[in-house]
Protein backbone atom coordinates (compact mmCIF):
# COMPACT_ATOMS: atom_id res chain seq x y z
CA UNK A 1 78.46 274.15 -79.15
CA UNK A 2 77.76 276.61 -76.26
CA UNK A 3 77.24 280.44 -76.20
CA UNK A 4 76.44 281.94 -72.81
CA UNK A 5 73.73 284.45 -71.88
CA UNK A 6 76.19 287.30 -72.16
CA UNK A 7 76.57 286.80 -75.90
CA UNK A 8 72.81 286.86 -76.38
CA UNK A 9 72.45 290.03 -74.36
CA UNK A 10 75.25 291.76 -76.19
CA UNK A 11 73.86 290.77 -79.57
CA UNK A 12 70.41 292.16 -78.86
CA UNK A 13 70.79 295.06 -76.45
CA UNK A 14 73.95 296.97 -77.33
CA UNK A 15 74.04 299.81 -79.84
CA UNK A 16 75.93 299.90 -83.12
CA UNK A 17 79.72 299.99 -83.25
CA UNK A 18 82.51 301.52 -85.23
CA UNK A 19 83.57 298.00 -86.15
CA UNK A 20 80.21 297.54 -87.88
CA UNK A 21 81.52 299.80 -90.65
CA UNK A 22 84.13 297.12 -91.44
CA UNK A 23 82.15 294.10 -90.35
CA UNK A 24 82.94 292.18 -93.54
CA UNK A 25 86.67 292.38 -92.90
CA UNK A 26 87.65 292.72 -89.22
CA UNK A 27 91.34 293.12 -88.44
CA UNK A 28 93.44 290.40 -86.80
CA UNK A 29 93.62 292.36 -83.50
CA UNK A 30 89.82 292.70 -83.54
CA UNK A 31 89.40 288.97 -84.20
CA UNK A 32 91.71 287.96 -81.37
CA UNK A 33 90.34 290.55 -78.97
CA UNK A 34 86.81 289.35 -79.63
CA UNK A 35 87.78 285.96 -78.15
CA UNK A 36 89.55 287.33 -75.11
CA UNK A 37 86.79 289.84 -74.32
CA UNK A 38 84.02 287.26 -74.55
CA UNK A 39 85.92 284.70 -72.49
CA UNK A 40 86.80 287.20 -69.75
CA UNK A 41 83.22 288.42 -69.43
CA UNK A 42 82.02 284.82 -69.37
CA UNK A 43 84.46 283.96 -66.58
CA UNK A 44 83.32 286.93 -64.49
CA UNK A 45 79.72 285.84 -64.89
CA UNK A 46 80.49 282.20 -64.12
CA UNK A 47 82.54 283.02 -61.01
CA UNK A 48 79.63 285.09 -59.73
CA UNK A 49 77.21 282.23 -60.37
CA UNK A 50 79.50 279.75 -58.60
CA UNK A 51 79.98 282.00 -55.57
CA UNK A 52 83.62 282.75 -56.30
CA UNK A 53 86.75 281.49 -57.99
CA UNK A 54 88.04 277.98 -57.20
CA UNK A 55 84.42 276.91 -56.65
CA UNK A 56 82.78 274.13 -58.70
CA UNK A 57 79.55 274.99 -60.49
CA UNK A 58 77.41 271.97 -61.44
CA UNK A 59 74.48 271.85 -63.82
CA UNK A 60 71.98 269.38 -62.38
CA UNK A 61 69.30 269.10 -65.05
CA UNK A 62 69.23 268.55 -68.79
CA UNK A 63 68.08 271.66 -70.70
CA UNK A 64 64.99 270.15 -72.32
CA UNK A 65 62.41 272.90 -71.76
CA UNK A 66 63.66 275.48 -74.25
CA UNK A 67 64.57 278.08 -71.63
CA UNK A 68 68.23 277.30 -70.93
CA UNK A 69 70.57 280.31 -70.84
CA UNK A 70 73.00 278.46 -73.12
CA UNK A 71 72.40 278.62 -76.86
CA UNK A 72 72.31 275.21 -78.59
CA UNK A 73 72.70 273.35 -75.27
CA UNK A 74 74.01 269.78 -75.34
CA UNK A 75 71.74 267.06 -73.99
CA UNK A 76 74.55 264.51 -73.79
CA UNK A 77 75.98 265.36 -70.39
CA UNK A 78 75.87 267.56 -67.31
CA UNK A 79 78.52 270.24 -66.92
CA UNK A 80 80.86 271.02 -64.08
CA UNK A 81 82.74 274.30 -64.44
CA UNK A 82 85.12 276.41 -62.40
CA UNK A 83 87.25 279.51 -62.76
CA UNK A 84 90.62 278.47 -61.35
CA UNK A 85 92.37 281.25 -59.40
CA UNK A 86 96.15 280.90 -59.17
CA UNK A 87 96.85 284.26 -57.55
CA UNK A 88 97.53 282.54 -54.21
CA UNK A 89 99.43 279.54 -55.56
CA UNK A 90 98.63 276.09 -57.01
CA UNK A 91 95.11 274.68 -57.12
CA UNK A 92 94.33 270.95 -56.90
CA UNK A 93 91.54 269.15 -58.78
CA UNK A 94 90.63 265.58 -57.80
CA UNK A 95 88.79 263.52 -60.41
CA UNK A 96 86.99 260.25 -59.62
CA UNK A 97 87.39 257.05 -61.57
CA UNK A 98 84.43 256.26 -63.82
CA UNK A 99 83.55 253.11 -65.75
CA UNK A 100 84.98 252.69 -69.23
CA UNK A 101 81.51 252.75 -70.80
CA UNK A 102 80.76 256.32 -69.67
CA UNK A 103 82.11 259.42 -71.37
CA UNK A 104 83.73 261.69 -68.79
CA UNK A 105 86.11 264.44 -69.80
CA UNK A 106 88.07 267.45 -68.64
CA UNK A 107 88.83 270.43 -70.87
CA UNK A 108 91.05 273.34 -69.79
CA UNK A 109 91.02 276.66 -71.65
CA UNK A 110 93.31 279.64 -71.14
CA UNK A 111 92.45 283.32 -71.21
CA UNK A 112 93.10 283.65 -74.95
CA UNK A 113 90.59 280.85 -75.58
CA UNK A 114 93.11 278.14 -76.47
CA UNK A 115 92.90 274.56 -75.22
CA UNK A 116 95.81 273.83 -72.88
CA UNK A 117 94.64 270.38 -71.73
CA UNK A 118 91.92 267.87 -72.51
CA UNK A 119 91.46 264.27 -71.50
CA UNK A 120 88.77 261.59 -71.65
CA UNK A 121 88.16 259.82 -68.33
CA UNK A 122 90.69 261.78 -66.26
CA UNK A 123 91.41 260.21 -62.89
CA UNK A 124 93.32 261.26 -59.79
CA UNK A 125 94.98 264.55 -58.79
CA UNK A 126 95.63 267.41 -61.20
CA UNK A 127 97.63 270.44 -60.09
CA UNK A 128 97.20 273.84 -61.75
CA UNK A 129 100.21 276.19 -61.58
CA UNK A 130 101.33 279.36 -63.32
CA UNK A 131 103.96 278.55 -65.95
CA UNK A 132 106.41 280.80 -64.12
CA UNK A 133 105.63 279.52 -60.60
CA UNK A 134 108.76 278.96 -58.50
CA UNK A 135 107.29 277.57 -55.26
CA UNK A 136 106.55 274.05 -54.07
CA UNK A 137 104.15 272.11 -56.30
CA UNK A 138 101.74 269.62 -54.69
CA UNK A 139 101.73 266.02 -55.88
CA UNK A 140 99.70 265.33 -58.98
CA UNK A 141 99.61 265.70 -62.75
CA UNK A 142 100.73 269.29 -63.43
CA UNK A 143 98.79 271.57 -65.79
CA UNK A 144 100.65 274.81 -66.49
CA UNK A 145 98.78 278.01 -67.27
CA UNK A 146 100.09 281.23 -68.78
CA UNK A 147 97.52 283.14 -66.75
CA UNK A 148 96.04 283.39 -63.29
CA UNK A 149 92.63 282.16 -64.42
CA UNK A 150 92.44 278.94 -66.45
CA UNK A 151 88.95 277.57 -66.97
CA UNK A 152 87.84 274.02 -66.08
CA UNK A 153 85.05 272.43 -68.10
CA UNK A 154 84.07 268.88 -67.10
CA UNK A 155 81.48 266.87 -69.03
CA UNK A 156 79.82 263.85 -67.41
CA UNK A 157 77.70 261.79 -69.78
CA UNK A 158 73.96 261.27 -69.29
CA UNK A 159 72.86 258.26 -71.31
CA UNK A 160 69.12 258.45 -70.62
CA UNK A 161 66.84 260.37 -68.27
CA UNK A 162 66.92 257.37 -65.92
CA UNK A 163 70.71 257.61 -65.87
CA UNK A 164 70.69 261.19 -64.57
CA UNK A 165 71.08 260.15 -60.92
CA UNK A 166 74.30 258.29 -61.75
CA UNK A 167 75.75 261.36 -63.44
CA UNK A 168 74.96 263.57 -60.45
CA UNK A 169 76.65 261.08 -58.13
CA UNK A 170 79.86 261.34 -60.18
CA UNK A 171 79.74 265.14 -60.07
CA UNK A 172 79.64 265.10 -56.28
CA UNK A 173 82.92 263.16 -56.18
CA UNK A 174 84.83 265.92 -58.01
CA UNK A 175 86.86 268.10 -55.62
CA UNK A 176 88.62 271.42 -56.17
CA UNK A 177 90.97 272.83 -53.53
CA UNK A 178 92.19 276.42 -53.69
CA UNK A 179 91.72 279.82 -52.11
CA UNK A 180 88.25 281.17 -52.85
CA UNK A 181 88.22 284.63 -54.38
CA UNK A 182 86.25 287.07 -56.51
CA UNK A 183 86.62 288.02 -60.15
CA UNK A 184 85.77 291.66 -60.83
CA UNK A 185 87.01 294.05 -63.50
CA UNK A 186 85.73 296.89 -65.68
CA UNK A 187 87.92 296.45 -68.75
CA UNK A 188 88.05 292.85 -69.97
CA UNK A 189 91.06 293.35 -72.25
CA UNK A 190 93.13 295.20 -69.68
CA UNK A 191 92.22 292.49 -67.16
CA UNK A 192 93.51 289.83 -69.57
CA UNK A 193 96.74 291.71 -70.18
CA UNK A 194 97.27 292.19 -66.44
CA UNK A 195 96.63 288.56 -65.43
CA UNK A 196 97.76 286.50 -68.41
CA UNK A 197 101.09 286.26 -70.23
CA UNK A 198 100.03 286.53 -73.84
CA UNK A 199 101.61 284.15 -76.34
CA UNK A 200 104.69 285.43 -78.16
CA UNK A 201 103.14 284.17 -81.40
CA UNK A 202 100.34 286.72 -80.98
CA UNK A 203 102.65 289.66 -80.51
CA UNK A 204 100.80 292.78 -79.44
CA UNK A 205 97.35 291.82 -80.75
CA UNK A 206 95.59 292.51 -77.47
CA UNK A 207 97.59 295.65 -76.72
CA UNK A 208 96.68 296.96 -80.17
CA UNK A 209 92.96 296.65 -79.31
CA UNK A 210 92.89 298.23 -75.84
CA UNK A 211 89.64 300.18 -75.64
CA UNK A 212 87.61 297.43 -77.30
CA UNK A 213 84.20 297.59 -75.65
CA UNK A 214 80.69 296.15 -75.58
CA UNK A 215 79.64 298.04 -78.71
CA UNK A 216 82.60 296.58 -80.58
CA UNK A 217 81.73 293.16 -79.24
CA UNK A 218 78.17 293.35 -80.50
CA UNK A 219 79.39 294.14 -84.00
CA UNK A 220 81.94 291.32 -83.88
CA UNK A 221 79.30 288.90 -82.63
CA UNK A 222 77.13 289.81 -85.62
CA UNK A 223 80.05 289.36 -87.99
CA UNK A 224 80.90 285.98 -86.43
CA UNK A 225 77.35 284.72 -86.86
CA UNK A 226 77.33 285.74 -90.52
CA UNK A 227 80.74 284.26 -91.22
CA UNK A 228 79.85 281.04 -89.40
CA UNK A 229 76.64 280.53 -91.37
CA UNK A 230 78.37 281.14 -94.70
CA UNK A 231 81.68 279.35 -94.20
CA UNK A 232 81.67 276.87 -91.31
CA UNK A 233 80.38 273.29 -91.41
CA UNK A 234 82.18 271.79 -88.40
CA UNK A 235 84.59 272.58 -85.56
CA UNK A 236 87.81 271.81 -87.42
CA UNK A 237 90.52 274.35 -86.59
CA UNK A 238 88.54 276.17 -83.91
CA UNK A 239 89.30 274.93 -80.42
CA UNK A 240 92.72 273.30 -80.20
CA UNK A 241 95.96 274.63 -78.65
CA UNK A 242 97.70 277.63 -80.18
CA UNK A 243 100.07 275.35 -82.11
CA UNK A 244 97.32 273.04 -83.37
CA UNK A 245 97.98 271.43 -86.74
CA UNK A 246 94.28 271.07 -87.53
CA UNK A 247 93.26 272.46 -90.90
CA UNK A 248 92.38 276.14 -90.48
CA UNK A 249 93.66 276.40 -86.92
CA UNK A 250 96.01 279.23 -87.86
CA UNK A 251 93.26 281.25 -89.51
CA UNK A 252 92.24 283.94 -86.97
CA UNK A 253 88.73 283.99 -88.45
CA UNK A 254 88.19 280.34 -87.55
CA UNK A 255 89.42 280.96 -84.02
CA UNK A 256 87.16 284.00 -83.66
CA UNK A 257 83.96 282.37 -84.91
CA UNK A 258 84.62 279.55 -82.43
CA UNK A 259 83.06 281.93 -79.89
CA UNK A 260 79.72 281.08 -81.52
CA UNK A 261 80.34 277.68 -79.87
CA UNK A 262 82.30 279.00 -76.91
CA UNK A 263 84.26 276.32 -74.99
CA UNK A 264 83.93 273.65 -77.66
CA UNK A 265 86.36 270.73 -77.77
CA UNK A 266 89.21 270.14 -80.24
CA UNK A 267 88.16 268.10 -83.25
CA UNK A 268 90.22 265.00 -82.34
CA UNK A 269 88.30 264.88 -79.04
CA UNK A 270 84.82 265.67 -80.37
CA UNK A 271 83.61 266.37 -83.89
CA UNK A 272 80.58 268.65 -84.28
CA UNK A 273 78.49 269.59 -87.28
CA UNK A 274 75.66 272.11 -87.41
CA UNK A 275 73.11 271.34 -90.12
CA UNK A 276 70.79 274.15 -91.26
CA UNK A 277 69.84 272.95 -94.75
CA UNK A 278 68.47 269.90 -96.51
CA UNK A 279 70.62 268.02 -99.01
CA UNK A 280 69.35 270.22 -101.84
CA UNK A 281 70.31 273.37 -99.96
CA UNK A 282 66.78 274.30 -98.96
CA UNK A 283 66.50 275.70 -95.43
CA UNK A 284 65.20 273.24 -92.82
CA UNK A 285 61.63 274.19 -91.93
CA UNK A 286 58.86 272.39 -90.06
CA UNK A 287 56.50 272.66 -93.02
CA UNK A 288 58.47 270.04 -94.97
CA UNK A 289 59.24 266.58 -93.49
CA UNK A 290 62.89 265.62 -93.75
CA UNK A 291 64.57 262.24 -93.19
CA UNK A 292 68.26 261.86 -92.30
CA UNK A 293 70.40 258.72 -92.21
CA UNK A 294 73.61 257.88 -90.37
CA UNK A 295 75.47 254.68 -89.40
CA UNK A 296 74.44 253.48 -85.96
CA UNK A 297 77.93 252.09 -85.27
CA UNK A 298 80.15 254.95 -86.44
CA UNK A 299 83.93 255.26 -86.30
CA UNK A 300 84.03 256.40 -82.66
CA UNK A 301 85.61 255.33 -79.40
CA UNK A 302 82.87 257.02 -77.36
CA UNK A 303 79.36 257.93 -78.58
CA UNK A 304 77.25 260.03 -80.98
CA UNK A 305 74.12 262.12 -80.67
CA UNK A 306 71.80 264.17 -82.87
CA UNK A 307 69.99 267.09 -81.21
CA UNK A 308 67.40 269.37 -82.82
CA UNK A 309 66.96 273.07 -82.00
CA UNK A 310 64.57 275.85 -82.93
CA UNK A 311 66.33 278.35 -85.20
CA UNK A 312 64.21 281.10 -83.64
CA UNK A 313 65.27 280.50 -80.03
CA UNK A 314 68.52 278.52 -80.58
CA UNK A 315 67.16 276.19 -77.93
CA UNK A 316 65.33 272.92 -77.41
CA UNK A 317 61.56 272.53 -77.80
CA UNK A 318 59.56 272.02 -74.59
CA UNK A 319 57.67 268.75 -74.16
CA UNK A 320 59.28 267.18 -77.23
CA UNK A 321 61.89 264.56 -78.08
CA UNK A 322 65.05 266.60 -78.64
CA UNK A 323 67.92 264.13 -78.86
CA UNK A 324 68.69 260.67 -80.20
CA UNK A 325 71.80 258.63 -79.44
CA UNK A 326 72.88 254.99 -79.27
CA UNK A 327 71.22 254.63 -75.86
CA UNK A 328 67.65 255.41 -76.92
CA UNK A 329 67.70 253.95 -80.46
CA UNK A 330 68.46 250.73 -82.30
CA UNK A 331 69.87 250.25 -85.81
CA UNK A 332 67.59 249.30 -88.69
CA UNK A 333 68.20 246.28 -90.90
CA UNK A 334 70.84 248.24 -92.85
CA UNK A 335 72.78 249.08 -89.69
CA UNK A 336 71.73 252.73 -89.84
CA UNK A 337 69.74 255.12 -87.71
CA UNK A 338 67.09 257.15 -89.51
CA UNK A 339 65.35 260.20 -88.07
CA UNK A 340 62.32 262.02 -89.47
CA UNK A 341 61.94 265.72 -88.67
CA UNK A 342 58.26 266.51 -89.08
CA UNK A 343 55.19 268.01 -87.41
CA UNK A 344 53.26 264.74 -87.47
CA UNK A 345 54.53 261.35 -86.34
CA UNK A 346 55.48 259.39 -89.50
CA UNK A 347 54.56 256.10 -87.78
CA UNK A 348 57.18 254.18 -89.72
CA UNK A 349 60.51 252.55 -88.89
CA UNK A 350 62.29 255.90 -88.49
CA UNK A 351 62.67 257.82 -85.24
CA UNK A 352 60.45 260.87 -84.98
CA UNK A 353 61.94 264.26 -84.06
CA UNK A 354 59.03 266.72 -83.69
CA UNK A 355 59.33 270.21 -85.19
CA UNK A 356 56.96 273.18 -85.26
CA UNK A 357 54.92 274.03 -88.34
CA UNK A 358 56.31 277.01 -90.22
CA UNK A 359 59.34 277.29 -87.95
CA UNK A 360 62.96 276.95 -89.09
CA UNK A 361 65.13 274.53 -87.14
CA UNK A 362 68.58 273.02 -87.25
CA UNK A 363 70.29 269.98 -85.77
CA UNK A 364 73.74 269.31 -84.37
CA UNK A 365 75.62 266.04 -84.69
CA UNK A 366 78.11 265.37 -81.91
CA UNK A 367 80.71 262.60 -82.25
CA UNK A 368 82.92 261.91 -79.22
CA UNK A 369 86.20 260.06 -79.64
CA UNK A 370 86.10 260.25 -83.46
CA UNK A 371 88.52 258.66 -85.86
CA UNK A 372 89.25 261.96 -87.56
CA UNK A 373 88.27 261.90 -91.21
CA UNK A 374 86.38 258.61 -90.90
CA UNK A 375 83.18 259.65 -89.15
CA UNK A 376 80.14 259.38 -91.43
CA UNK A 377 77.61 262.19 -90.98
CA UNK A 378 74.04 262.57 -92.18
CA UNK A 379 75.31 264.96 -94.84
CA UNK A 380 77.55 262.23 -96.25
CA UNK A 381 74.36 260.39 -97.21
CA UNK A 382 73.35 263.35 -99.37
CA UNK A 383 75.73 262.08 -102.02
CA UNK A 384 74.46 258.50 -101.92
């Protein structure tokens, strides 16, 4: 679940906000505006990093050294991102064919932070057009956008460190064709209103919050972190389309706290859990060894992984094993995978995940291609 550098900066550097006075009960316009503001600022930053709109931005290394600008970075895949710019007409994305044993996906998000398209192992030509476009549409699978700036997020699986070169080769076969431009604005909400046709279901939520600023965003980010820690155990109801039937998808609080894991996938595509406590509720801390269990062959069409992060930095630990998956482990005699979080190597039949003495940590389980409701997590073993 990914939060960009902007969110960190806003949460630590900005001053207090008027919203902070009502941080326990933000209004629906504030909740919805929080999403749009964050996503717009993220897109501006990403377009600048890429060198413009309609330009692919590839990550080329796994974030294993604890210094990645993304909070809770995934170690399962490399990213390819782009801010699509439809102001000059349709944009074409060409996706290569990959083998059926490699996870490869495309996820498209609109300017109100709703999923408008997602697919595992996309292949061929995809054409992005405004939903009200009247001109000639190039050949390909059409993806309609309510705004000028849909966001492309492509994930290409990395199975092991040795497999990294194969992932990079796939990235280089992705092509995006459209007029290169810039993305600059001063007011993120006014920019969204000017370039995106808001959903009728949301009425005037964004208009009602014009003037929302960085101070407001800091307060909302703090509220979201508190709400997430107290109420959220997985990504159900957070990332789907506006008309998603997932449990909780129509709760604006769930949609807002999804920004804590900005650009996450809908639950039927990928199921995530964030684990901060032991089975007895005690906070995970390096001073106390902890063993978790999960089925090696879970109810998935793709793959699983377990990644550990420092709760102080929200990042990986340098020079340490950070992630286990089906490609670097084998099941035990019971058909399970067991992982020990501890300072010292347990030297037993479990897999060792090093942690720092006296330091809180957490781990994230990622399940791709889940049979919804049938995936067995480490927490499910708490009741056994």
